[in-house]
Amino acid sequence: KPEDTAVYYCAARLTYSYDYISDKPNDYRYWGQGTQ
């Protein structure tokens, strides 16, 4: 949809938990440069 227009970023964080996930940007340490 037009409202999906944005820069999309992937993010990563090293974790010892196999199943934990997070929706908070501050919980990720590494970021890509983004793709439009």
PDB file of all heavy atoms in Angstrom:
ATOM      1  N   LYS A   1       0.844  -1.192   0.000  1.00  0.00           N
ATOM      2  CA  LYS A   1       0.000   0.000   0.000  1.00  0.00           C
ATOM      3  C   LYS A   1       0.885   1.250   0.000  1.00  0.00           C
ATOM      4  O   LYS A   1       2.027   1.187   0.470  1.00  0.00           O
ATOM      5  CB  LYS A   1      -0.888   0.016   1.239  1.00  0.00           C
ATOM      6  CG  LYS A   1      -1.745  -1.224   1.429  1.00  0.00           C
ATOM      7  CD  LYS A   1      -2.498  -1.158   2.745  1.00  0.00           C
ATOM      8  CE  LYS A   1      -3.333  -2.405   2.969  1.00  0.00           C
ATOM      9  NZ  LYS A   1      -4.069  -2.337   4.263  1.00  0.00           N
ATOM     10  N   PRO A   2       0.373   2.366  -0.461  1.00  0.00           N
ATOM     11  CA  PRO A   2       1.185   3.597  -0.424  1.00  0.00           C
ATOM     12  C   PRO A   2       1.696   3.923   0.974  1.00  0.00           C
ATOM     13  O   PRO A   2       2.805   4.459   1.111  1.00  0.00           O
ATOM     14  CB  PRO A   2       0.209   4.660  -0.939  1.00  0.00           C
ATOM     15  CG  PRO A   2      -0.706   3.902  -1.859  1.00  0.00           C
ATOM     16  CD  PRO A   2      -0.886   2.563  -1.208  1.00  0.00           C
ATOM     17  N   GLU A   3       0.940   3.578   2.001  1.00  0.00           N
ATOM     18  CA  GLU A   3       1.389   3.870   3.369  1.00  0.00           C
ATOM     19  C   GLU A   3       2.535   2.980   3.828  1.00  0.00           C
ATOM     20  O   GLU A   3       3.099   3.190   4.899  1.00  0.00           O
ATOM     21  CB  GLU A   3       0.231   3.782   4.362  1.00  0.00           C
ATOM     22  CG  GLU A   3      -0.567   2.490   4.284  1.00  0.00           C
ATOM     23  CD  GLU A   3      -1.828   2.646   3.453  1.00  0.00           C
ATOM     24  OE1 GLU A   3      -1.764   3.252   2.357  1.00  0.00           O
ATOM     25  OE2 GLU A   3      -2.878   2.136   3.896  1.00  0.00           O
ATOM     26  N   ASP A   4       2.902   1.999   3.024  1.00  0.00           N
ATOM     27  CA  ASP A   4       4.087   1.188   3.318  1.00  0.00           C
ATOM     28  C   ASP A   4       5.368   1.877   2.865  1.00  0.00           C
ATOM     29  O   ASP A   4       6.468   1.375   3.129  1.00  0.00           O
ATOM     30  CB  ASP A   4       3.986  -0.183   2.640  1.00  0.00           C
ATOM     31  CG  ASP A   4       2.851  -1.018   3.190  1.00  0.00           C
ATOM     32  OD1 ASP A   4       2.628  -1.003   4.419  1.00  0.00           O
ATOM     33  OD2 ASP A   4       2.168  -1.682   2.384  1.00  0.00           O
ATOM     34  N   THR A   5       5.247   2.993   2.188  1.00  0.00           N
ATOM     35  CA  THR A   5       6.423   3.717   1.724  1.00  0.00           C
ATOM     36  C   THR A   5       7.261   4.159   2.918  1.00  0.00           C
ATOM     37  O   THR A   5       6.779   4.819   3.830  1.00  0.00           O
ATOM     38  CB  THR A   5       5.998   4.937   0.902  1.00  0.00           C
ATOM     39  OG1 THR A   5       5.355   4.493  -0.292  1.00  0.00           O
ATOM     40  CG2 THR A   5       7.208   5.790   0.534  1.00  0.00           C
ATOM     41  N   ALA A   6       8.522   3.763   2.918  1.00  0.00           N
ATOM     42  CA  ALA A   6       9.420   4.043   4.040  1.00  0.00           C
ATOM     43  C   ALA A   6      10.799   3.499   3.700  1.00  0.00           C
ATOM     44  O   ALA A   6      10.979   2.770   2.722  1.00  0.00           O
ATOM     45  CB  ALA A   6       8.907   3.396   5.325  1.00  0.00           C
ATOM     46  N   VAL A   7      11.752   3.848   4.548  1.00  0.00           N
ATOM     47  CA  VAL A   7      13.053   3.177   4.517  1.00  0.00           C
ATOM     48  C   VAL A   7      12.954   1.985   5.470  1.00  0.00           C
ATOM     49  O   VAL A   7      12.530   2.137   6.619  1.00  0.00           O
ATOM     50  CB  VAL A   7      14.191   4.117   4.950  1.00  0.00           C
ATOM     51  CG1 VAL A   7      15.517   3.361   4.950  1.00  0.00           C
ATOM     52  CG2 VAL A   7      14.260   5.318   4.007  1.00  0.00           C
ATOM     53  N   TYR A   8      13.328   0.837   4.972  1.00  0.00           N
ATOM     54  CA  TYR A   8      13.249  -0.396   5.755  1.00  0.00           C
ATOM     55  C   TYR A   8      14.649  -0.786   6.215  1.00  0.00           C
ATOM     56  O   TYR A   8      15.591  -0.821   5.408  1.00  0.00           O
ATOM     57  CB  TYR A   8      12.623  -1.506   4.925  1.00  0.00           C
ATOM     58  CG  TYR A   8      11.133  -1.347   4.789  1.00  0.00           C
ATOM     59  CD1 TYR A   8      10.591  -0.349   3.981  1.00  0.00           C
ATOM     60  CD2 TYR A   8      10.249  -2.183   5.478  1.00  0.00           C
ATOM     61  CE1 TYR A   8       9.214  -0.177   3.873  1.00  0.00           C
ATOM     62  CE2 TYR A   8       8.876  -2.030   5.363  1.00  0.00           C
ATOM     63  CZ  TYR A   8       8.366  -1.022   4.567  1.00  0.00           C
ATOM     64  OH  TYR A   8       7.007  -0.860   4.461  1.00  0.00           O
ATOM     65  N   TYR A   9      14.749  -1.070   7.503  1.00  0.00           N
ATOM     66  CA  TYR A   9      16.018  -1.411   8.119  1.00  0.00           C
ATOM     67  C   TYR A   9      15.966  -2.805   8.726  1.00  0.00           C
ATOM     68  O   TYR A   9      14.954  -3.166   9.331  1.00  0.00           O
ATOM     69  CB  TYR A   9      16.353  -0.444   9.247  1.00  0.00           C
ATOM     70  CG  TYR A   9      16.486   1.007   8.852  1.00  0.00           C
ATOM     71  CD1 TYR A   9      15.377   1.849   8.852  1.00  0.00           C
ATOM     72  CD2 TYR A   9      17.720   1.538   8.486  1.00  0.00           C
ATOM     73  CE1 TYR A   9      15.494   3.184   8.499  1.00  0.00           C
ATOM     74  CE2 TYR A   9      17.849   2.864   8.136  1.00  0.00           C
ATOM     75  CZ  TYR A   9      16.736   3.688   8.141  1.00  0.00           C
ATOM     76  OH  TYR A   9      16.860   5.011   7.794  1.00  0.00           O
ATOM     77  N   CYS A  10      17.051  -3.543   8.603  1.00  0.00           N
ATOM     78  CA  CYS A  10      17.152  -4.751   9.399  1.00  0.00           C
ATOM     79  C   CYS A  10      18.057  -4.466  10.587  1.00  0.00           C
ATOM     80  O   CYS A  10      18.915  -3.581  10.548  1.00  0.00           O
ATOM     81  CB  CYS A  10      17.651  -5.945   8.590  1.00  0.00           C
ATOM     82  SG  CYS A  10      19.353  -5.857   8.064  1.00  0.00           S
ATOM     83  N   ALA A  11      17.845  -5.222  11.640  1.00  0.00           N
ATOM     84  CA  ALA A  11      18.569  -5.013  12.882  1.00  0.00           C
ATOM     85  C   ALA A  11      18.871  -6.355  13.518  1.00  0.00           C
ATOM     86  O   ALA A  11      18.145  -7.335  13.313  1.00  0.00           O
ATOM     87  CB  ALA A  11      17.752  -4.139  13.835  1.00  0.00           C
ATOM     88  N   ALA A  12      19.931  -6.382  14.322  1.00  0.00           N
ATOM     89  CA  ALA A  12      20.361  -7.645  14.915  1.00  0.00           C
ATOM     90  C   ALA A  12      20.922  -7.413  16.308  1.00  0.00           C
ATOM     91  O   ALA A  12      21.442  -6.343  16.626  1.00  0.00           O
ATOM     92  CB  ALA A  12      21.428  -8.304  14.034  1.00  0.00           C
ATOM     93  N   ARG A  13      20.805  -8.455  17.102  1.00  0.00           N
ATOM     94  CA  ARG A  13      21.446  -8.428  18.422  1.00  0.00           C
ATOM     95  C   ARG A  13      21.826  -9.841  18.800  1.00  0.00           C
ATOM     96  O   ARG A  13      21.022 -10.773  18.662  1.00  0.00           O
ATOM     97  CB  ARG A  13      20.545  -7.833  19.477  1.00  0.00           C
ATOM     98  CG  ARG A  13      21.227  -7.837  20.857  1.00  0.00           C
ATOM     99  CD  ARG A  13      20.734  -6.772  21.737  1.00  0.00           C
ATOM    100  NE  ARG A  13      21.491  -6.738  22.987  1.00  0.00           N
ATOM    101  CZ  ARG A  13      21.369  -5.773  23.874  1.00  0.00           C
ATOM    102  NH1 ARG A  13      20.519  -4.788  23.690  1.00  0.00           N
ATOM    103  NH2 ARG A  13      22.084  -5.804  24.976  1.00  0.00           N
ATOM    104  N   LEU A  14      23.039  -9.985  19.285  1.00  0.00           N
ATOM    105  CA  LEU A  14      23.513 -11.267  19.775  1.00  0.00           C
ATOM    106  C   LEU A  14      22.690 -11.674  20.998  1.00  0.00           C
ATOM    107  O   LEU A  14      22.411 -10.852  21.865  1.00  0.00           O
ATOM    108  CB  LEU A  14      24.984 -11.161  20.156  1.00  0.00           C
ATOM    109  CG  LEU A  14      25.696 -12.455  20.552  1.00  0.00           C
ATOM    110  CD1 LEU A  14      25.801 -13.386  19.349  1.00  0.00           C
ATOM    111  CD2 LEU A  14      27.090 -12.143  21.104  1.00  0.00           C
ATOM    112  N   THR A  15      22.296 -12.942  21.035  1.00  0.00           N
ATOM    113  CA  THR A  15      21.469 -13.390  22.146  1.00  0.00           C
ATOM    114  C   THR A  15      21.779 -14.831  22.501  1.00  0.00           C
ATOM    115  O   THR A  15      22.137 -15.630  21.632  1.00  0.00           O
ATOM    116  CB  THR A  15      19.978 -13.265  21.803  1.00  0.00           C
ATOM    117  OG1 THR A  15      19.187 -13.690  22.917  1.00  0.00           O
ATOM    118  CG2 THR A  15      19.608 -14.117  20.589  1.00  0.00           C
ATOM    119  N   TYR A  16      21.634 -15.151  23.780  1.00  0.00           N
ATOM    120  CA  TYR A  16      21.789 -16.539  24.220  1.00  0.00           C
ATOM    121  C   TYR A  16      20.444 -17.268  24.236  1.00  0.00           C
ATOM    122  O   TYR A  16      20.399 -18.490  24.359  1.00  0.00           O
ATOM    123  CB  TYR A  16      22.427 -16.580  25.605  1.00  0.00           C
ATOM    124  CG  TYR A  16      23.854 -16.110  25.610  1.00  0.00           C
ATOM    125  CD1 TYR A  16      24.200 -14.860  26.113  1.00  0.00           C
ATOM    126  CD2 TYR A  16      24.861 -16.913  25.080  1.00  0.00           C
ATOM    127  CE1 TYR A  16      25.520 -14.418  26.088  1.00  0.00           C
ATOM    128  CE2 TYR A  16      26.184 -16.481  25.055  1.00  0.00           C
ATOM    129  CZ  TYR A  16      26.503 -15.229  25.558  1.00  0.00           C
ATOM    130  OH  TYR A  16      27.795 -14.792  25.533  1.00  0.00           O
ATOM    131  N   SER A  17      19.369 -16.497  24.100  1.00  0.00           N
ATOM    132  CA  SER A  17      18.039 -17.085  24.111  1.00  0.00           C
ATOM    133  C   SER A  17      17.646 -17.527  22.709  1.00  0.00           C
ATOM    134  O   SER A  17      17.745 -16.763  21.761  1.00  0.00           O
ATOM    135  CB  SER A  17      17.012 -16.079  24.631  1.00  0.00           C
ATOM    136  OG  SER A  17      15.701 -16.547  24.431  1.00  0.00           O
ATOM    137  N   TYR A  18      17.175 -18.737  22.610  1.00  0.00           N
ATOM    138  CA  TYR A  18      16.787 -19.248  21.296  1.00  0.00           C
ATOM    139  C   TYR A  18      15.434 -18.711  20.843  1.00  0.00           C
ATOM    140  O   TYR A  18      15.155 -18.666  19.640  1.00  0.00           O
ATOM    141  CB  TYR A  18      16.747 -20.770  21.295  1.00  0.00           C
ATOM    142  CG  TYR A  18      18.113 -21.389  21.201  1.00  0.00           C
ATOM    143  CD1 TYR A  18      18.872 -21.642  22.339  1.00  0.00           C
ATOM    144  CD2 TYR A  18      18.672 -21.695  19.970  1.00  0.00           C
ATOM    145  CE1 TYR A  18      20.133 -22.192  22.253  1.00  0.00           C
ATOM    146  CE2 TYR A  18      19.937 -22.239  19.870  1.00  0.00           C
ATOM    147  CZ  TYR A  18      20.663 -22.492  21.018  1.00  0.00           C
ATOM    148  OH  TYR A  18      21.922 -23.029  20.928  1.00  0.00           O
ATOM    149  N   ASP A  19      14.605 -18.292  21.782  1.00  0.00           N
ATOM    150  CA  ASP A  19      13.225 -17.946  21.407  1.00  0.00           C
ATOM    151  C   ASP A  19      12.827 -16.501  21.699  1.00  0.00           C
ATOM    152  O   ASP A  19      11.746 -16.085  21.310  1.00  0.00           O
ATOM    153  CB  ASP A  19      12.248 -18.877  22.117  1.00  0.00           C
ATOM    154  CG  ASP A  19      12.448 -20.320  21.709  1.00  0.00           C
ATOM    155  OD1 ASP A  19      12.614 -20.558  20.485  1.00  0.00           O
ATOM    156  OD2 ASP A  19      12.460 -21.199  22.579  1.00  0.00           O
ATOM    157  N   TYR A  20      13.683 -15.729  22.374  1.00  0.00           N
ATOM    158  CA  TYR A  20      13.314 -14.367  22.722  1.00  0.00           C
ATOM    159  C   TYR A  20      13.330 -13.472  21.487  1.00  0.00           C
ATOM    160  O   TYR A  20      14.247 -13.558  20.656  1.00  0.00           O
ATOM    161  CB  TYR A  20      14.277 -13.795  23.763  1.00  0.00           C
ATOM    162  CG  TYR A  20      13.982 -12.362  24.138  1.00  0.00           C
ATOM    163  CD1 TYR A  20      12.893 -12.043  24.946  1.00  0.00           C
ATOM    164  CD2 TYR A  20      14.788 -11.325  23.689  1.00  0.00           C
ATOM    165  CE1 TYR A  20      12.619 -10.734  25.288  1.00  0.00           C
ATOM    166  CE2 TYR A  20      14.529 -10.015  24.024  1.00  0.00           C
ATOM    167  CZ  TYR A  20      13.438  -9.733  24.834  1.00  0.00           C
ATOM    168  OH  TYR A  20      13.166  -8.434  25.171  1.00  0.00           O
ATOM    169  N   ILE A  21      12.316 -12.631  21.360  1.00  0.00           N
ATOM    170  CA  ILE A  21      12.284 -11.635  20.296  1.00  0.00           C
ATOM    171  C   ILE A  21      11.859 -10.314  20.901  1.00  0.00           C
ATOM    172  O   ILE A  21      11.290 -10.265  21.981  1.00  0.00           O
ATOM    173  CB  ILE A  21      11.323 -12.036  19.152  1.00  0.00           C
ATOM    174  CG1 ILE A  21       9.924 -12.377  19.698  1.00  0.00           C
ATOM    175  CG2 ILE A  21      11.882 -13.175  18.344  1.00  0.00           C
ATOM    176  CD1 ILE A  21       8.929 -12.706  18.617  1.00  0.00           C
ATOM    177  N   SER A  22      12.121  -9.238  20.187  1.00  0.00           N
ATOM    178  CA  SER A  22      11.799  -7.911  20.713  1.00  0.00           C
ATOM    179  C   SER A  22      11.281  -7.018  19.601  1.00  0.00           C
ATOM    180  O   SER A  22      11.734  -7.108  18.460  1.00  0.00           O
ATOM    181  CB  SER A  22      13.039  -7.280  21.347  1.00  0.00           C
ATOM    182  OG  SER A  22      12.771  -5.941  21.735  1.00  0.00           O
ATOM    183  N   ASP A  23      10.346  -6.147  19.976  1.00  0.00           N
ATOM    184  CA  ASP A  23       9.808  -5.185  19.021  1.00  0.00           C
ATOM    185  C   ASP A  23      10.353  -3.786  19.255  1.00  0.00           C
ATOM    186  O   ASP A  23       9.894  -2.838  18.617  1.00  0.00           O
ATOM    187  CB  ASP A  23       8.284  -5.163  19.098  1.00  0.00           C
ATOM    188  CG  ASP A  23       7.769  -4.704  20.458  1.00  0.00           C
ATOM    189  OD1 ASP A  23       8.554  -4.753  21.432  1.00  0.00           O
ATOM    190  OD2 ASP A  23       6.599  -4.305  20.546  1.00  0.00           O
ATOM    191  N   LYS A  24      11.323  -3.644  20.131  1.00  0.00           N
ATOM    192  CA  LYS A  24      11.834  -2.334  20.507  1.00  0.00           C
ATOM    193  C   LYS A  24      13.151  -2.026  19.809  1.00  0.00           C
ATOM    194  O   LYS A  24      14.108  -2.794  19.914  1.00  0.00           O
ATOM    195  CB  LYS A  24      12.015  -2.253  22.016  1.00  0.00           C
ATOM    196  CG  LYS A  24      10.716  -2.434  22.784  1.00  0.00           C
ATOM    197  CD  LYS A  24      10.943  -2.431  24.265  1.00  0.00           C
ATOM    198  CE  LYS A  24       9.626  -2.546  25.024  1.00  0.00           C
ATOM    199  NZ  LYS A  24       8.865  -3.742  24.618  1.00  0.00           N
ATOM    200  N   PRO A  25      13.250  -0.911  19.118  1.00  0.00           N
ATOM    201  CA  PRO A  25      14.505  -0.579  18.429  1.00  0.00           C
ATOM    202  C   PRO A  25      15.707  -0.561  19.370  1.00  0.00           C
ATOM    203  O   PRO A  25      16.797  -0.971  18.969  1.00  0.00           O
ATOM    204  CB  PRO A  25      14.225   0.819  17.860  1.00  0.00           C
ATOM    205  CG  PRO A  25      12.739   0.887  17.705  1.00  0.00           C
ATOM    206  CD  PRO A  25      12.191   0.091  18.848  1.00  0.00           C
ATOM    207  N   ASN A  26      15.507  -0.117  20.615  1.00  0.00           N
ATOM    208  CA  ASN A  26      16.631  -0.024  21.545  1.00  0.00           C
ATOM    209  C   ASN A  26      17.176  -1.384  21.956  1.00  0.00           C
ATOM    210  O   ASN A  26      18.264  -1.457  22.549  1.00  0.00           O
ATOM    211  CB  ASN A  26      16.227   0.763  22.792  1.00  0.00           C
ATOM    212  CG  ASN A  26      16.052   2.239  22.514  1.00  0.00           C
ATOM    213  OD1 ASN A  26      16.532   2.738  21.500  1.00  0.00           O
ATOM    214  ND2 ASN A  26      15.367   2.934  23.390  1.00  0.00           N
ATOM    215  N   ASP A  27      16.445  -2.444  21.658  1.00  0.00           N
ATOM    216  CA  ASP A  27      16.903  -3.790  21.997  1.00  0.00           C
ATOM    217  C   ASP A  27      17.829  -4.378  20.938  1.00  0.00           C
ATOM    218  O   ASP A  27      18.287  -5.515  21.087  1.00  0.00           O
ATOM    219  CB  ASP A  27      15.710  -4.722  22.185  1.00  0.00           C
ATOM    220  CG  ASP A  27      15.056  -4.542  23.544  1.00  0.00           C
ATOM    221  OD1 ASP A  27      15.657  -3.854  24.392  1.00  0.00           O
ATOM    222  OD2 ASP A  27      13.955  -5.072  23.746  1.00  0.00           O
ATOM    223  N   TYR A  28      18.057  -3.629  19.871  1.00  0.00           N
ATOM    224  CA  TYR A  28      18.927  -4.115  18.803  1.00  0.00           C
ATOM    225  C   TYR A  28      20.196  -3.286  18.773  1.00  0.00           C
ATOM    226  O   TYR A  28      20.170  -2.073  18.935  1.00  0.00           O
ATOM    227  CB  TYR A  28      18.197  -4.043  17.453  1.00  0.00           C
ATOM    228  CG  TYR A  28      17.056  -5.028  17.380  1.00  0.00           C
ATOM    229  CD1 TYR A  28      15.807  -4.711  17.905  1.00  0.00           C
ATOM    230  CD2 TYR A  28      17.230  -6.283  16.821  1.00  0.00           C
ATOM    231  CE1 TYR A  28      14.769  -5.615  17.866  1.00  0.00           C
ATOM    232  CE2 TYR A  28      16.195  -7.197  16.763  1.00  0.00           C
ATOM    233  CZ  TYR A  28      14.959  -6.857  17.300  1.00  0.00           C
ATOM    234  OH  TYR A  28      13.943  -7.758  17.258  1.00  0.00           O
ATOM    235  N   ARG A  29      21.284  -3.956  18.531  1.00  0.00           N
ATOM    236  CA  ARG A  29      22.571  -3.260  18.578  1.00  0.00           C
ATOM    237  C   ARG A  29      23.101  -2.900  17.200  1.00  0.00           C
ATOM    238  O   ARG A  29      23.756  -1.876  17.034  1.00  0.00           O
ATOM    239  CB  ARG A  29      23.609  -4.129  19.300  1.00  0.00           C
ATOM    240  CG  ARG A  29      24.969  -3.455  19.407  1.00  0.00           C
ATOM    241  CD  ARG A  29      25.906  -4.236  20.293  1.00  0.00           C
ATOM    242  NE  ARG A  29      27.193  -3.554  20.418  1.00  0.00           N
ATOM    243  CZ  ARG A  29      28.216  -4.026  21.105  1.00  0.00           C
ATOM    244  NH1 ARG A  29      28.113  -5.178  21.731  1.00  0.00           N
ATOM    245  NH2 ARG A  29      29.331  -3.345  21.171  1.00  0.00           N
ATOM    246  N   TYR A  30      22.838  -3.745  16.229  1.00  0.00           N
ATOM    247  CA  TYR A  30      23.414  -3.539  14.894  1.00  0.00           C
ATOM    248  C   TYR A  30      22.304  -3.235  13.899  1.00  0.00           C
ATOM    249  O   TYR A  30      21.248  -3.867  13.918  1.00  0.00           O
ATOM    250  CB  TYR A  30      24.193  -4.782  14.451  1.00  0.00           C
ATOM    251  CG  TYR A  30      25.275  -5.170  15.417  1.00  0.00           C
ATOM    252  CD1 TYR A  30      25.131  -6.250  16.263  1.00  0.00           C
ATOM    253  CD2 TYR A  30      26.458  -4.426  15.484  1.00  0.00           C
ATOM    254  CE1 TYR A  30      26.119  -6.600  17.155  1.00  0.00           C
ATOM    255  CE2 TYR A  30      27.461  -4.767  16.378  1.00  0.00           C
ATOM    256  CZ  TYR A  30      27.281  -5.853  17.211  1.00  0.00           C
ATOM    257  OH  TYR A  30      28.263  -6.186  18.106  1.00  0.00           O
ATOM    258  N   TRP A  31      22.598  -2.290  13.015  1.00  0.00           N
ATOM    259  CA  TRP A  31      21.616  -1.835  12.041  1.00  0.00           C
ATOM    260  C   TRP A  31      22.233  -1.755  10.657  1.00  0.00           C
ATOM    261  O   TRP A  31      23.407  -1.408  10.510  1.00  0.00           O
ATOM    262  CB  TRP A  31      21.084  -0.455  12.428  1.00  0.00           C
ATOM    263  CG  TRP A  31      20.260  -0.470  13.670  1.00  0.00           C
ATOM    264  CD1 TRP A  31      20.714  -0.458  14.963  1.00  0.00           C
ATOM    265  CD2 TRP A  31      18.841  -0.543  13.744  1.00  0.00           C
ATOM    266  NE1 TRP A  31      19.649  -0.511  15.834  1.00  0.00           N
ATOM    267  CE2 TRP A  31      18.487  -0.554  15.110  1.00  0.00           C
ATOM    268  CE3 TRP A  31      17.818  -0.594  12.793  1.00  0.00           C
ATOM    269  CZ2 TRP A  31      17.150  -0.609  15.547  1.00  0.00           C
ATOM    270  CZ3 TRP A  31      16.507  -0.635  13.225  1.00  0.00           C
ATOM    271  CH2 TRP A  31      16.188  -0.655  14.588  1.00  0.00           C
ATOM    272  N   GLY A  32      21.428  -2.052   9.661  1.00  0.00           N
ATOM    273  CA  GLY A  32      21.847  -1.839   8.294  1.00  0.00           C
ATOM    274  C   GLY A  32      21.633  -0.390   7.891  1.00  0.00           C
ATOM    275  O   GLY A  32      21.124   0.422   8.670  1.00  0.00           O
ATOM    276  N   GLN A  33      21.984  -0.085   6.664  1.00  0.00           N
ATOM    277  CA  GLN A  33      21.878   1.291   6.181  1.00  0.00           C
ATOM    278  C   GLN A  33      20.492   1.625   5.669  1.00  0.00           C
ATOM    279  O   GLN A  33      20.159   2.790   5.455  1.00  0.00           O
ATOM    280  CB  GLN A  33      22.907   1.538   5.069  1.00  0.00           C
ATOM    281  CG  GLN A  33      22.490   1.085   3.685  1.00  0.00           C
ATOM    282  CD  GLN A  33      22.460  -0.426   3.504  1.00  0.00           C
ATOM    283  OE1 GLN A  33      22.937  -1.179   4.349  1.00  0.00           O
ATOM    284  NE2 GLN A  33      21.884  -0.876   2.395  1.00  0.00           N
ATOM    285  N   GLY A  34      19.676   0.605   5.484  1.00  0.00           N
ATOM    286  CA  GLY A  34      18.306   0.805   5.044  1.00  0.00           C
ATOM    287  C   GLY A  34      18.142   0.670   3.542  1.00  0.00           C
ATOM    288  O   GLY A  34      19.080   0.878   2.770  1.00  0.00           O
ATOM    289  N   THR A  35      16.939   0.303   3.145  1.00  0.00           N
ATOM    290  CA  THR A  35      16.601   0.229   1.728  1.00  0.00           C
ATOM    291  C   THR A  35      15.244   0.905   1.534  1.00  0.00           C
ATOM    292  O   THR A  35      14.304   0.675   2.301  1.00  0.00           O
ATOM    293  CB  THR A  35      16.580  -1.234   1.232  1.00  0.00           C
ATOM    294  OG1 THR A  35      16.364  -1.254  -0.180  1.00  0.00           O
ATOM    295  CG2 THR A  35      15.521  -2.075   1.915  1.00  0.00           C
ATOM    296  N   GLN A  36      15.160   1.735   0.513  1.00  0.00           N
ATOM    297  CA  GLN A  36      13.948   2.517   0.288  1.00  0.00           C
ATOM    298  C   GLN A  36      12.890   1.680  -0.414  1.00  0.00           C
ATOM    299  O   GLN A  36      13.171   1.036  -1.427  1.00  0.00           O
ATOM    300  CB  GLN A  36      14.267   3.749  -0.555  1.00  0.00           C
ATOM    301  CG  GLN A  36      13.049   4.587  -0.944  1.00  0.00           C
ATOM    302  CD  GLN A  36      12.460   5.337   0.241  1.00  0.00           C
ATOM    303  OE1 GLN A  36      13.197   5.954   1.014  1.00  0.00           O
ATOM    304  NE2 GLN A  36      11.144   5.294   0.375  1.00  0.00           N
TER     305      GLN A  36
END
